[in-house]
Structures are given as C-alpha cells and as structure tokens.
Amino acid sequence: MQPERHVRLFRNGKNQALRIPKEFELEGHEAIIHKDGDRLIVEPVKRKNLLGLLASWEPAEEDFPEIPDTLIEAEDIF
C-alpha cells in the first residue's frame, strides 16, 4: 500500500494549492494534472533525451539521395 499523508489546502492568489511532502516529491519542473472522479492525479512530465527520441522514431522508408563528394576549389579573392 502507498504511504498516505494528510495535507492542508491553501490559497496562492486565485489558485488553490498544497505543499507536497518530501516523500511525494516529483522530479523535474513540470507536471500534468487531471481529475478522475473525486481524485486529483498529478504526474511528472517525462522528457525524453535525444537517444530516447531517436529510438522512438520509425526507420525512414526512402533512400537518401547520393551526394557527390567533391572538393570545391578555393577562390583567390585578394
């Protein structure tokens, strides 16, 4: 069973807020909040790193065009 704590709700300007006890802290700086009946669900936003993003992509179906590998001659501009 998950640990349980009673917390007090308070006002922060026009918003209702609560302090999250240390044992319930979420990582990161953003969260997603939604209601499920009378329950309020707060989930951390999981950001993918570059490798995770690349791993989630489907392989390209088409071949890349051939690019000639030729050297460009330098111009004498002086």
C-alpha atoms as a PDB file:
ATOM      1  CA  MET A   1       0.000   0.000   0.000  1.00  0.00           C
ATOM      2  CA  GLN A   2       1.211   3.519  -0.838  1.00  0.00           C
ATOM      3  CA  PRO A   3       2.156   5.842   2.048  1.00  0.00           C
ATOM      4  CA  GLU A   4      -0.531   8.349   2.956  1.00  0.00           C
ATOM      5  CA  ARG A   5      -0.353  11.839   4.456  1.00  0.00           C
ATOM      6  CA  HIS A   6      -2.964  14.436   5.333  1.00  0.00           C
ATOM      7  CA  VAL A   7      -2.112  17.866   3.945  1.00  0.00           C
ATOM      8  CA  ARG A   8      -3.787  21.252   4.210  1.00  0.00           C
ATOM      9  CA  LEU A   9      -5.018  23.160   1.207  1.00  0.00           C
ATOM     10  CA  PHE A  10      -4.330  26.891   0.977  1.00  0.00           C
ATOM     11  CA  ARG A  11      -4.776  29.775  -1.422  1.00  0.00           C
ATOM     12  CA  ASN A  12      -1.975  31.177  -3.558  1.00  0.00           C
ATOM     13  CA  GLY A  13      -3.567  34.197  -5.219  1.00  0.00           C
ATOM     14  CA  LYS A  14      -6.607  32.865  -7.091  1.00  0.00           C
ATOM     15  CA  ASN A  15      -5.276  29.285  -7.125  1.00  0.00           C
ATOM     16  CA  GLN A  16      -5.798  26.542  -4.601  1.00  0.00           C
ATOM     17  CA  ALA A  17      -2.517  24.875  -3.636  1.00  0.00           C
ATOM     18  CA  LEU A  18      -0.969  22.289  -1.358  1.00  0.00           C
ATOM     19  CA  ARG A  19       2.555  21.575  -0.207  1.00  0.00           C
ATOM     20  CA  ILE A  20       3.871  18.256  -1.428  1.00  0.00           C
ATOM     21  CA  PRO A  21       5.670  16.370   1.374  1.00  0.00           C
ATOM     22  CA  LYS A  22       9.258  15.317   0.635  1.00  0.00           C
ATOM     23  CA  GLU A  23       8.398  11.628   0.220  1.00  0.00           C
ATOM     24  CA  PHE A  24       5.943  12.528  -2.584  1.00  0.00           C
ATOM     25  CA  GLU A  25       8.152  14.992  -4.497  1.00  0.00           C
ATOM     26  CA  LEU A  26       8.217  14.675  -8.279  1.00  0.00           C
ATOM     27  CA  GLU A  27      11.325  15.012 -10.424  1.00  0.00           C
ATOM     28  CA  GLY A  28      11.610  17.816 -12.941  1.00  0.00           C
ATOM     29  CA  HIS A  29       9.937  21.197 -13.178  1.00  0.00           C
ATOM     30  CA  GLU A  30       6.614  20.324 -14.833  1.00  0.00           C
ATOM     31  CA  ALA A  31       3.659  18.051 -14.138  1.00  0.00           C
ATOM     32  CA  ILE A  32       0.365  17.094 -15.732  1.00  0.00           C
ATOM     33  CA  ILE A  33      -2.739  17.292 -13.553  1.00  0.00           C
ATOM     34  CA  HIS A  34      -6.169  15.776 -14.196  1.00  0.00           C
ATOM     35  CA  LYS A  35      -9.234  14.617 -12.304  1.00  0.00           C
ATOM     36  CA  ASP A  36     -10.593  11.087 -12.110  1.00  0.00           C
ATOM     37  CA  GLY A  37     -13.914  11.397 -10.301  1.00  0.00           C
ATOM     38  CA  ASP A  38     -13.066  12.952  -6.917  1.00  0.00           C
ATOM     39  CA  ARG A  39      -9.366  12.094  -7.274  1.00  0.00           C
ATOM     40  CA  LEU A  40      -6.786  14.620  -8.371  1.00  0.00           C
ATOM     41  CA  ILE A  41      -3.916  12.950 -10.237  1.00  0.00           C
ATOM     42  CA  VAL A  42      -0.549  14.667 -10.655  1.00  0.00           C
ATOM     43  CA  GLU A  43       2.027  13.041 -12.933  1.00  0.00           C
ATOM     44  CA  PRO A  44       5.542  14.224 -13.756  1.00  0.00           C
ATOM     45  CA  VAL A  45       6.253  15.230 -17.334  1.00  0.00           C
ATOM     46  CA  LYS A  46       8.854  12.796 -18.587  1.00  0.00           C
ATOM     47  CA  ARG A  47      11.164  14.421 -21.068  1.00  0.00           C
ATOM     48  CA  LYS A  48      12.993  12.158 -23.453  1.00  0.00           C
ATOM     49  CA  ASN A  49      16.666  12.670 -24.013  1.00  0.00           C
ATOM     50  CA  LEU A  50      17.969  12.732 -27.591  1.00  0.00           C
ATOM     51  CA  LEU A  51      18.746   8.999 -27.673  1.00  0.00           C
ATOM     52  CA  GLY A  52      15.261   8.190 -26.378  1.00  0.00           C
ATOM     53  CA  LEU A  53      13.694  10.431 -29.007  1.00  0.00           C
ATOM     54  CA  LEU A  54      15.715   8.882 -31.837  1.00  0.00           C
ATOM     55  CA  ALA A  55      14.878   5.368 -30.608  1.00  0.00           C
ATOM     56  CA  SER A  56      11.155   6.189 -30.764  1.00  0.00           C
ATOM     57  CA  TRP A  57      11.267   7.157 -34.456  1.00  0.00           C
ATOM     58  CA  GLU A  58      10.366   4.682 -37.177  1.00  0.00           C
ATOM     59  CA  PRO A  59      13.107   3.938 -39.728  1.00  0.00           C
ATOM     60  CA  ALA A  60      12.978   6.013 -42.929  1.00  0.00           C
ATOM     61  CA  GLU A  61      11.323   4.145 -45.796  1.00  0.00           C
ATOM     62  CA  GLU A  62      13.138   6.009 -48.554  1.00  0.00           C
ATOM     63  CA  ASP A  63      16.780   6.026 -49.524  1.00  0.00           C
ATOM     64  CA  PHE A  64      18.797   9.178 -49.163  1.00  0.00           C
ATOM     65  CA  PRO A  65      19.948  10.736 -52.451  1.00  0.00           C
ATOM     66  CA  GLU A  66      23.567  10.384 -53.471  1.00  0.00           C
ATOM     67  CA  ILE A  67      25.594  13.494 -52.697  1.00  0.00           C
ATOM     68  CA  PRO A  68      28.770  13.927 -54.714  1.00  0.00           C
ATOM     69  CA  ASP A  69      31.835  14.116 -52.514  1.00  0.00           C
ATOM     70  CA  THR A  70      33.911  16.586 -54.498  1.00  0.00           C
ATOM     71  CA  LEU A  71      36.216  19.276 -53.242  1.00  0.00           C
ATOM     72  CA  ILE A  72      35.459  22.860 -54.095  1.00  0.00           C
ATOM     73  CA  GLU A  73      38.436  24.810 -55.363  1.00  0.00           C
ATOM     74  CA  ALA A  74      39.356  27.863 -53.325  1.00  0.00           C
ATOM     75  CA  GLU A  75      38.999  31.232 -54.994  1.00  0.00           C
ATOM     76  CA  ASP A  76      41.721  33.850 -54.831  1.00  0.00           C
ATOM     77  CA  ILE A  77      39.759  36.842 -53.508  1.00  0.00           C
ATOM     78  CA  PHE A  78      42.743  39.077 -52.674  1.00  0.00           C
END
